[in-house]
């Protein structure tokens, strides 16, 4: 897959929601999206939808806990069927999520385990050796920020830490794991393309006095990327905060000495959850609420990431909730933003509507209602009724998305300048 300045070089993609948090405990159900949506059984029909759309690429994840059920012992039977079908029969390039959150059962304390960075790199190396020549595009770990929040600060995913120290421990461990994973992939396949994916967000202040919280929120979103690119030194605005919450100067210096080098920076943004406004309650307490659910600020946010980190960018997840009209409006608006930025010279090389079809809300893990109550419709296809002849029913958005894919000149225009070439 060639990336360049012209519309025909642009990567149109979609993806299958692939969160894997298999560990259970009282009050916490296993969250394996493939299991809950039947993808392990219906993968051929599911993947064929991507070809129906005409996309070139699909974000698709590997359930680490299934393919490595014991340390160093791998079971590739399922992936040995799926990946050749996707690549050779459908002709679609997988962007493989090696890590979409969860760890294997045998890794005690999961991400907090001191051996996690080596364990995840060894798994990545085993995968790359097996599928070299078939798979070239990799995401080492999806959304370090969300991972650290869910596992280290909010305590809803293993290892269930609930503190700023837990968050810092997790973000450092994830950075080490990503660094080692990239090194392992590049050693086995120097031509591997690394698509590093991070969650993004915007913030606003209701009154000028709260602007400092906006700046703090922005720094939180940049933190994992700054760590990985070796920018966290004594002058970094979060340096002292990291030390106060458990990091050592040795930790930070060691991570800075081994900066991760990705080929494409992937940005995830959902308008309905992406922008928070800080305000003061009637009692004078700091609060925030979600605002601007139409995605205002998306364009400037992408430009800010490019100014900070440079290099090619791909929109690796975006979609919209609510009505069909609202979803169609976001598809139009987000692609208009991409076109505008490309015209300005920002090298946006791909766009991913995510997910491809119905997914299960993460609240299922902590909920008690039946599975069907947690289905959410962000995708281009929705699960059909049980008596229907096909598993999937196309939404009106599927045809609209396909029309954009078929007319990239109109959809995303030509990139004004192209100081890169990933072939």
Protein backbone atom coordinates (compact mmCIF):
# COMPACT_ATOMS: atom_id res chain seq x y z
CA UNK A 1 0.00 0.00 0.00
CA UNK A 2 1.59 3.24 -1.20
CA UNK A 3 1.09 6.49 0.68
CA UNK A 4 1.54 9.75 -1.13
CA UNK A 5 -0.01 13.15 -1.84
CA UNK A 6 -2.71 12.16 -4.29
CA UNK A 7 -6.31 11.19 -3.48
CA UNK A 8 -5.77 7.70 -4.89
CA UNK A 9 -3.00 7.17 -2.33
CA UNK A 10 -5.31 7.87 0.61
CA UNK A 11 -6.14 4.96 2.96
CA UNK A 12 -9.84 4.42 3.49
CA UNK A 13 -10.35 2.13 6.44
CA UNK A 14 -12.78 0.79 8.96
CA UNK A 15 -12.31 -1.50 11.92
CA UNK A 16 -13.88 -4.04 14.23
CA UNK A 17 -14.20 -3.11 17.89
CA UNK A 18 -11.71 -5.40 19.60
CA UNK A 19 -11.51 -4.59 23.29
CA UNK A 20 -10.27 -7.63 25.21
CA UNK A 21 -10.62 -7.54 29.02
CA UNK A 22 -11.31 -11.21 29.82
CA UNK A 23 -10.64 -11.17 33.57
CA UNK A 24 -13.68 -11.41 35.83
CA UNK A 25 -14.37 -10.75 39.51
CA UNK A 26 -17.56 -10.23 41.53
CA UNK A 27 -19.50 -7.46 39.81
CA UNK A 28 -17.21 -7.44 36.75
CA UNK A 29 -18.08 -9.43 33.62
CA UNK A 30 -15.61 -10.44 30.93
CA UNK A 31 -15.44 -7.91 28.08
CA UNK A 32 -14.30 -9.59 24.87
CA UNK A 33 -15.97 -7.80 21.98
CA UNK A 34 -15.27 -10.63 19.54
CA UNK A 35 -16.95 -13.13 21.85
CA UNK A 36 -19.89 -10.87 22.68
CA UNK A 37 -20.55 -9.98 19.04
CA UNK A 38 -19.99 -13.51 17.70
CA UNK A 39 -16.94 -12.55 15.60
CA UNK A 40 -15.03 -15.71 16.52
CA UNK A 41 -17.76 -17.74 14.79
CA UNK A 42 -18.88 -15.33 12.03
CA UNK A 43 -15.58 -13.75 11.01
CA UNK A 44 -15.92 -14.50 7.28
CA UNK A 45 -19.26 -12.72 7.02
CA UNK A 46 -18.05 -9.89 9.24
CA UNK A 47 -14.85 -9.24 7.32
CA UNK A 48 -16.60 -9.42 3.94
CA UNK A 49 -18.43 -6.21 4.86
CA UNK A 50 -15.15 -4.32 4.50
CA UNK A 51 -14.78 -5.43 0.90
CA UNK A 52 -18.39 -4.45 0.28
CA UNK A 53 -17.47 -0.90 1.34
CA UNK A 54 -14.43 -0.78 -0.94
CA UNK A 55 -11.95 0.12 1.79
CA UNK A 56 -8.25 -0.71 1.49
CA UNK A 57 -7.53 -1.36 5.16
CA UNK A 58 -9.12 -2.72 8.31
CA UNK A 59 -8.10 -2.15 11.92
CA UNK A 60 -8.35 -5.61 13.43
CA UNK A 61 -7.04 -6.91 16.73
CA UNK A 62 -5.47 -10.08 18.05
CA UNK A 63 -6.74 -11.48 21.38
CA UNK A 64 -3.39 -11.93 23.13
CA UNK A 65 -4.97 -13.89 25.97
CA UNK A 66 -6.22 -16.50 23.49
CA UNK A 67 -3.20 -16.83 21.22
CA UNK A 68 -0.78 -17.15 24.15
CA UNK A 69 -2.72 -19.16 26.76
CA UNK A 70 0.52 -20.09 28.55
CA UNK A 71 3.80 -18.15 28.61
CA UNK A 72 5.67 -18.83 25.39
CA UNK A 73 3.09 -21.33 24.10
CA UNK A 74 1.08 -20.02 21.17
CA UNK A 75 -2.13 -21.13 19.54
CA UNK A 76 -2.41 -19.58 16.09
CA UNK A 77 -5.18 -21.80 14.72
CA UNK A 78 -7.80 -19.06 14.49
CA UNK A 79 -5.52 -16.29 13.20
CA UNK A 80 -4.07 -18.76 10.67
CA UNK A 81 -7.53 -18.91 9.11
CA UNK A 82 -8.57 -15.29 9.44
CA UNK A 83 -5.50 -13.38 8.23
CA UNK A 84 -5.00 -15.21 4.89
CA UNK A 85 -8.70 -14.76 4.17
CA UNK A 86 -8.54 -11.05 4.93
CA UNK A 87 -5.31 -10.39 3.04
CA UNK A 88 -5.37 -12.83 0.14
CA UNK A 89 -9.04 -13.50 -0.55
CA UNK A 90 -10.49 -10.09 0.30
CA UNK A 91 -7.40 -8.09 -0.67
CA UNK A 92 -7.61 -5.89 2.42
CA UNK A 93 -4.59 -4.71 4.39
CA UNK A 94 -4.92 -5.39 8.11
CA UNK A 95 -3.64 -2.77 10.54
CA UNK A 96 -3.14 -5.22 13.36
CA UNK A 97 -3.85 -4.15 16.92
CA UNK A 98 -1.42 -6.30 18.83
CA UNK A 99 -2.77 -4.88 22.07
CA UNK A 100 -6.29 -3.55 22.44
CA UNK A 101 -6.25 -3.33 26.23
CA UNK A 102 -6.30 -6.73 27.99
CA UNK A 103 -3.49 -9.05 29.11
CA UNK A 104 -3.39 -12.87 29.34
CA UNK A 105 -4.63 -14.60 32.48
CA UNK A 106 -1.17 -15.88 33.38
CA UNK A 107 0.39 -12.40 33.64
CA UNK A 108 -0.18 -11.61 37.30
CA UNK A 109 -0.99 -7.96 38.00
CA UNK A 110 -1.23 -7.50 34.23
CA UNK A 111 0.31 -4.17 33.13
CA UNK A 112 1.74 -3.55 36.61
CA UNK A 113 3.84 -6.72 36.38
CA UNK A 114 7.51 -5.81 36.04
CA UNK A 115 7.88 -8.33 33.22
CA UNK A 116 4.99 -6.89 31.17
CA UNK A 117 7.20 -4.93 28.70
CA UNK A 118 9.28 -8.01 27.89
CA UNK A 119 6.23 -10.28 27.76
CA UNK A 120 4.31 -8.12 25.31
CA UNK A 121 7.38 -7.65 23.10
CA UNK A 122 7.96 -11.42 23.02
CA UNK A 123 4.36 -11.97 21.95
CA UNK A 124 4.68 -9.28 19.25
CA UNK A 125 7.87 -10.88 17.97
CA UNK A 126 6.22 -14.31 17.79
CA UNK A 127 3.31 -12.85 15.83
CA UNK A 128 5.60 -10.96 13.44
CA UNK A 129 7.70 -14.04 12.75
CA UNK A 130 4.64 -16.12 11.97
CA UNK A 131 2.92 -13.60 9.71
CA UNK A 132 5.88 -11.85 8.09
CA UNK A 133 5.03 -11.39 4.43
CA UNK A 134 1.32 -11.33 5.18
CA UNK A 135 1.08 -8.56 7.80
CA UNK A 136 3.11 -5.36 7.63
CA UNK A 137 1.04 -2.70 9.41
CA UNK A 138 0.95 -2.75 13.20
CA UNK A 139 -0.45 -0.80 16.14
CA UNK A 140 1.66 -1.84 19.14
CA UNK A 141 -0.97 -0.76 21.68
CA UNK A 142 -4.23 1.08 21.19
CA UNK A 143 -4.79 4.27 23.24
CA UNK A 144 -2.24 4.27 26.09
CA UNK A 145 -4.13 7.14 27.70
CA UNK A 146 -7.43 5.26 28.01
CA UNK A 147 -5.62 2.11 29.03
CA UNK A 148 -3.85 3.88 31.90
CA UNK A 149 -7.05 5.61 33.01
CA UNK A 150 -9.16 2.46 33.04
CA UNK A 151 -6.53 0.25 34.66
CA UNK A 152 -4.57 2.67 36.84
CA UNK A 153 -6.88 5.48 37.92
CA UNK A 154 -10.50 4.34 37.56
CA UNK A 155 -9.88 0.75 38.62
CA UNK A 156 -12.44 -0.88 36.32
CA UNK A 157 -9.93 -3.01 34.39
CA UNK A 158 -7.07 -5.11 35.77
CA UNK A 159 -4.96 -4.51 37.79
CA UNK A 160 -7.74 -2.32 39.29
CA UNK A 161 -5.58 0.52 40.58
CA UNK A 162 -7.39 3.67 41.72
CA UNK A 163 -4.94 6.50 42.18
CA UNK A 164 -2.68 8.98 40.44
CA UNK A 165 0.25 6.73 41.38
CA UNK A 166 -1.50 3.84 39.69
CA UNK A 167 -2.04 5.93 36.60
CA UNK A 168 1.63 6.95 36.47
CA UNK A 169 2.78 3.37 37.01
CA UNK A 170 0.60 2.23 34.13
CA UNK A 171 1.60 4.99 31.71
CA UNK A 172 5.29 4.24 32.29
CA UNK A 173 4.79 0.50 31.88
CA UNK A 174 2.81 0.99 28.68
CA UNK A 175 5.52 3.28 27.29
CA UNK A 176 8.18 0.65 27.97
CA UNK A 177 6.02 -2.02 26.38
CA UNK A 178 5.42 0.05 23.25
CA UNK A 179 9.12 0.83 22.91
CA UNK A 180 10.08 -2.82 23.18
CA UNK A 181 7.28 -3.93 20.87
CA UNK A 182 8.35 -1.52 18.12
CA UNK A 183 11.97 -2.62 18.47
CA UNK A 184 10.96 -6.29 18.24
CA UNK A 185 8.79 -5.71 15.15
CA UNK A 186 11.45 -3.70 13.35
CA UNK A 187 14.13 -6.29 14.13
CA UNK A 188 12.08 -9.05 12.53
CA UNK A 189 10.68 -6.94 9.69
CA UNK A 190 12.54 -3.69 9.01
CA UNK A 191 9.76 -2.80 6.54
CA UNK A 192 7.03 -2.99 9.18
CA UNK A 193 4.82 0.11 9.31
CA UNK A 194 4.06 1.30 12.85
CA UNK A 195 0.77 3.13 13.33
CA UNK A 196 0.83 4.47 16.87
CA UNK A 197 -2.74 5.19 18.01
CA UNK A 198 -3.80 7.53 20.82
CA UNK A 199 -7.11 8.87 22.10
CA UNK A 200 -7.64 12.59 21.69
CA UNK A 201 -9.95 15.14 23.23
CA UNK A 202 -10.74 18.81 23.48
CA UNK A 203 -11.52 21.02 26.46
CA UNK A 204 -13.14 24.36 27.11
CA UNK A 205 -13.47 26.71 30.10
CA UNK A 206 -16.81 28.30 30.91
CA UNK A 207 -15.00 31.25 32.51
CA UNK A 208 -11.43 32.53 32.06
CA UNK A 209 -10.51 31.58 35.63
CA UNK A 210 -10.66 27.91 34.65
CA UNK A 211 -8.26 28.10 31.70
CA UNK A 212 -5.53 26.44 33.76
CA UNK A 213 -7.66 23.27 33.88
CA UNK A 214 -7.93 23.35 30.10
CA UNK A 215 -4.14 23.47 29.82
CA UNK A 216 -3.83 20.62 32.32
CA UNK A 217 -6.28 18.50 30.35
CA UNK A 218 -4.31 19.10 27.16
CA UNK A 219 -1.06 18.09 28.87
CA UNK A 220 -2.69 14.86 30.02
CA UNK A 221 -3.57 13.98 26.43
CA UNK A 222 -0.05 14.70 25.25
CA UNK A 223 1.69 12.86 28.09
CA UNK A 224 2.06 9.38 26.63
CA UNK A 225 3.18 10.77 23.27
CA UNK A 226 5.68 13.08 24.95
CA UNK A 227 7.06 10.15 26.94
CA UNK A 228 7.39 7.97 23.87
CA UNK A 229 9.12 10.67 21.85
CA UNK A 230 11.64 11.41 24.61
CA UNK A 231 10.30 14.88 25.42
CA UNK A 232 9.73 14.40 29.16
CA UNK A 233 12.75 15.98 30.82
CA UNK A 234 13.20 18.41 33.72
CA UNK A 235 11.65 21.20 31.63
CA UNK A 236 8.49 19.30 30.79
CA UNK A 237 5.33 20.73 32.45
CA UNK A 238 4.43 17.31 33.85
CA UNK A 239 7.91 16.37 35.11
CA UNK A 240 7.42 17.32 38.77
CA UNK A 241 3.88 15.91 38.74
CA UNK A 242 5.23 12.56 37.55
CA UNK A 243 7.84 12.52 40.31
CA UNK A 244 5.23 13.34 42.94
CA UNK A 245 3.15 10.38 41.84
CA UNK A 246 5.72 7.64 41.79
CA UNK A 247 7.96 8.08 38.74
CA UNK A 248 11.69 8.37 39.31
CA UNK A 249 14.18 10.42 37.35
CA UNK A 250 15.76 7.12 36.36
CA UNK A 251 12.43 5.87 34.94
CA UNK A 252 11.94 8.99 32.87
CA UNK A 253 15.53 9.18 31.68
CA UNK A 254 15.49 5.53 30.65
CA UNK A 255 12.31 5.96 28.60
CA UNK A 256 13.70 9.15 27.02
CA UNK A 257 16.86 7.29 25.95
CA UNK A 258 14.81 4.90 23.84
CA UNK A 259 12.30 7.05 21.94
CA UNK A 260 9.67 5.18 19.97
CA UNK A 261 9.72 5.83 16.25
CA UNK A 262 6.43 5.30 14.55
CA UNK A 263 5.67 5.80 10.87
CA UNK A 264 2.13 7.14 11.19
CA UNK A 265 0.45 8.83 14.16
CA UNK A 266 -3.11 7.60 14.55
CA UNK A 267 -5.65 9.90 16.24
CA UNK A 268 -8.97 8.71 17.66
CA UNK A 269 -11.80 11.19 18.20
CA UNK A 270 -15.50 10.79 18.91
CA UNK A 271 -17.50 14.05 18.86
CA UNK A 272 -20.14 12.88 21.34
CA UNK A 273 -17.51 12.11 23.99
CA UNK A 274 -14.59 14.24 22.82
CA UNK A 275 -15.06 17.74 24.27
CA UNK A 276 -15.47 18.63 27.93
CA UNK A 277 -16.22 22.03 29.41
CA UNK A 278 -14.97 22.92 32.88
CA UNK A 279 -17.38 24.96 35.02
CA UNK A 280 -18.14 25.76 38.65
CA UNK A 281 -21.23 24.32 40.27
CA UNK A 282 -23.64 26.40 42.34
CA UNK A 283 -21.57 25.39 45.37
CA UNK A 284 -18.36 26.53 43.68
CA UNK A 285 -17.08 23.00 42.99
CA UNK A 286 -15.12 22.25 39.84
CA UNK A 287 -17.15 20.14 37.43
CA UNK A 288 -17.12 19.29 33.74
CA UNK A 289 -19.75 18.40 31.17
CA UNK A 290 -19.62 17.13 27.60
CA UNK A 291 -20.29 19.87 25.07
CA UNK A 292 -20.00 20.60 21.34
CA UNK A 293 -21.18 17.16 20.31
CA UNK A 294 -20.94 18.23 16.68
CA UNK A 295 -17.12 18.03 16.95
CA UNK A 296 -16.24 21.71 16.78
CA UNK A 297 -12.49 22.06 17.13
CA UNK A 298 -11.62 18.81 15.34
CA UNK A 299 -9.62 20.62 12.65
CA UNK A 300 -7.54 22.73 15.01
CA UNK A 301 -6.90 19.75 17.27
CA UNK A 302 -5.38 17.69 14.44
CA UNK A 303 -3.26 20.64 13.37
CA UNK A 304 -2.00 20.99 16.95
CA UNK A 305 -0.92 17.34 17.07
CA UNK A 306 0.89 17.72 13.78
CA UNK A 307 2.64 20.89 14.95
CA UNK A 308 3.77 19.08 18.10
CA UNK A 309 4.87 15.72 16.67
CA UNK A 310 5.14 16.12 12.90
CA UNK A 311 4.98 13.23 10.46
CA UNK A 312 2.05 11.59 8.67
CA UNK A 313 -1.29 11.35 10.47
CA UNK A 314 -4.19 8.95 10.09
CA UNK A 315 -7.63 9.32 11.61
CA UNK A 316 -7.72 5.82 13.12
CA UNK A 317 -11.11 6.01 14.87
CA UNK A 318 -14.04 8.31 14.50
CA UNK A 319 -17.81 7.94 14.30
CA UNK A 320 -20.92 9.48 15.78
CA UNK A 321 -23.76 8.43 18.02
CA UNK A 322 -27.43 9.44 17.98
CA UNK A 323 -29.60 9.87 14.87
CA UNK A 324 -28.76 8.86 11.30
CA UNK A 325 -28.74 12.53 10.35
CA UNK A 326 -26.27 13.39 13.12
CA UNK A 327 -24.02 10.52 12.05
CA UNK A 328 -24.16 11.57 8.39
CA UNK A 329 -23.42 15.17 9.34
CA UNK A 330 -20.32 14.07 11.25
CA UNK A 331 -19.08 11.99 8.32
CA UNK A 332 -19.44 15.06 6.10
CA UNK A 333 -17.90 17.46 8.63
CA UNK A 334 -14.96 15.25 9.59
CA UNK A 335 -14.01 14.58 5.98
CA UNK A 336 -14.34 18.29 5.19
CA UNK A 337 -11.85 18.89 8.01
CA UNK A 338 -9.47 16.31 6.54
CA UNK A 339 -9.74 17.91 3.09
CA UNK A 340 -9.10 21.39 4.50
CA UNK A 341 -6.05 20.23 6.44
CA UNK A 342 -4.59 18.39 3.46
CA UNK A 343 -5.03 21.57 1.42
CA UNK A 344 -3.01 23.38 4.10
CA UNK A 345 -0.25 20.77 3.84
CA UNK A 346 -1.03 18.67 6.92
CA UNK A 347 -0.22 15.10 5.81
CA UNK A 348 -3.40 13.23 6.72
CA UNK A 349 -3.05 9.94 4.88
CA UNK A 350 -6.06 7.96 6.00
CA UNK A 351 -9.53 7.98 7.55
CA UNK A 352 -11.21 5.24 9.58
CA UNK A 353 -14.90 5.05 10.41
CA UNK A 354 -14.89 2.94 13.55
CA UNK A 355 -16.38 0.52 14.24
CA UNK A 356 -17.61 -1.26 11.15
CA UNK A 357 -20.70 -2.62 12.86
CA UNK A 358 -22.62 -2.89 16.14
CA UNK A 359 -20.51 -3.10 19.27
CA UNK A 360 -21.09 -3.74 22.96
CA UNK A 361 -20.89 -0.74 25.28
CA UNK A 362 -18.05 -1.08 27.81
CA UNK A 363 -20.63 -0.52 30.57
CA UNK A 364 -21.62 -4.15 30.01
CA UNK A 365 -18.61 -5.14 32.14
CA UNK A 366 -20.07 -3.48 35.26
CA UNK A 367 -23.73 -3.94 34.35
CA UNK A 368 -26.33 -6.55 35.16
CA UNK A 369 -28.74 -6.31 32.25
CA UNK A 370 -28.80 -8.79 29.32
CA UNK A 371 -26.19 -8.40 26.61
CA UNK A 372 -28.68 -6.99 24.10
CA UNK A 373 -29.25 -3.95 26.32
CA UNK A 374 -25.65 -2.84 25.77
CA UNK A 375 -25.53 -2.80 21.99
CA UNK A 376 -24.59 0.60 20.59
CA UNK A 377 -24.76 1.67 16.99
CA UNK A 378 -21.75 3.65 15.86
CA UNK A 379 -21.02 1.54 12.80
CA UNK A 380 -22.00 1.38 9.16
CA UNK A 381 -23.86 -1.90 9.63
CA UNK A 382 -26.12 -3.05 12.43
CA UNK A 383 -26.98 -6.51 13.65
CA UNK A 384 -30.06 -7.76 11.87
CA UNK A 385 -33.07 -9.38 13.47
CA UNK A 386 -32.59 -13.07 14.37
CA UNK A 387 -34.94 -14.26 11.62
CA UNK A 388 -33.24 -12.16 8.89
CA UNK A 389 -31.41 -14.01 6.08
CA UNK A 390 -28.21 -12.02 6.67
CA UNK A 391 -26.36 -11.33 9.91
CA UNK A 392 -25.96 -7.62 9.03
CA UNK A 393 -28.17 -4.83 7.81
CA UNK A 394 -26.55 -1.84 6.10
CA UNK A 395 -27.39 1.58 7.51
CA UNK A 396 -27.92 4.54 5.15
CA UNK A 397 -24.47 5.69 6.20
CA UNK A 398 -22.82 2.68 4.52
CA UNK A 399 -23.75 3.90 1.04
CA UNK A 400 -22.72 7.45 1.89
CA UNK A 401 -19.32 6.26 3.12
CA UNK A 402 -18.88 4.05 0.03
CA UNK A 403 -19.58 7.04 -2.21
CA UNK A 404 -16.78 8.98 -0.54
CA UNK A 405 -14.40 6.03 -0.97
CA UNK A 406 -15.23 5.87 -4.67
CA UNK A 407 -14.64 9.59 -5.22
CA UNK A 408 -11.54 10.48 -3.16
CA UNK A 409 -10.73 13.56 -5.24
CA UNK A 410 -13.95 15.17 -4.08
CA UNK A 411 -13.79 13.73 -0.58
CA UNK A 412 -10.27 14.58 0.57
CA UNK A 413 -8.55 16.43 -2.27
CA UNK A 414 -4.83 16.53 -2.93
CA UNK A 415 -2.21 17.05 -0.26
CA UNK A 416 -0.47 20.35 -0.92
CA UNK A 417 2.99 19.04 -0.05
CA UNK A 418 4.35 15.58 0.56
CA UNK A 419 7.62 15.48 2.52
CA UNK A 420 7.27 11.73 3.12
CA UNK A 421 6.87 8.51 1.23
CA UNK A 422 5.91 5.28 2.97
CA UNK A 423 5.67 2.48 0.47
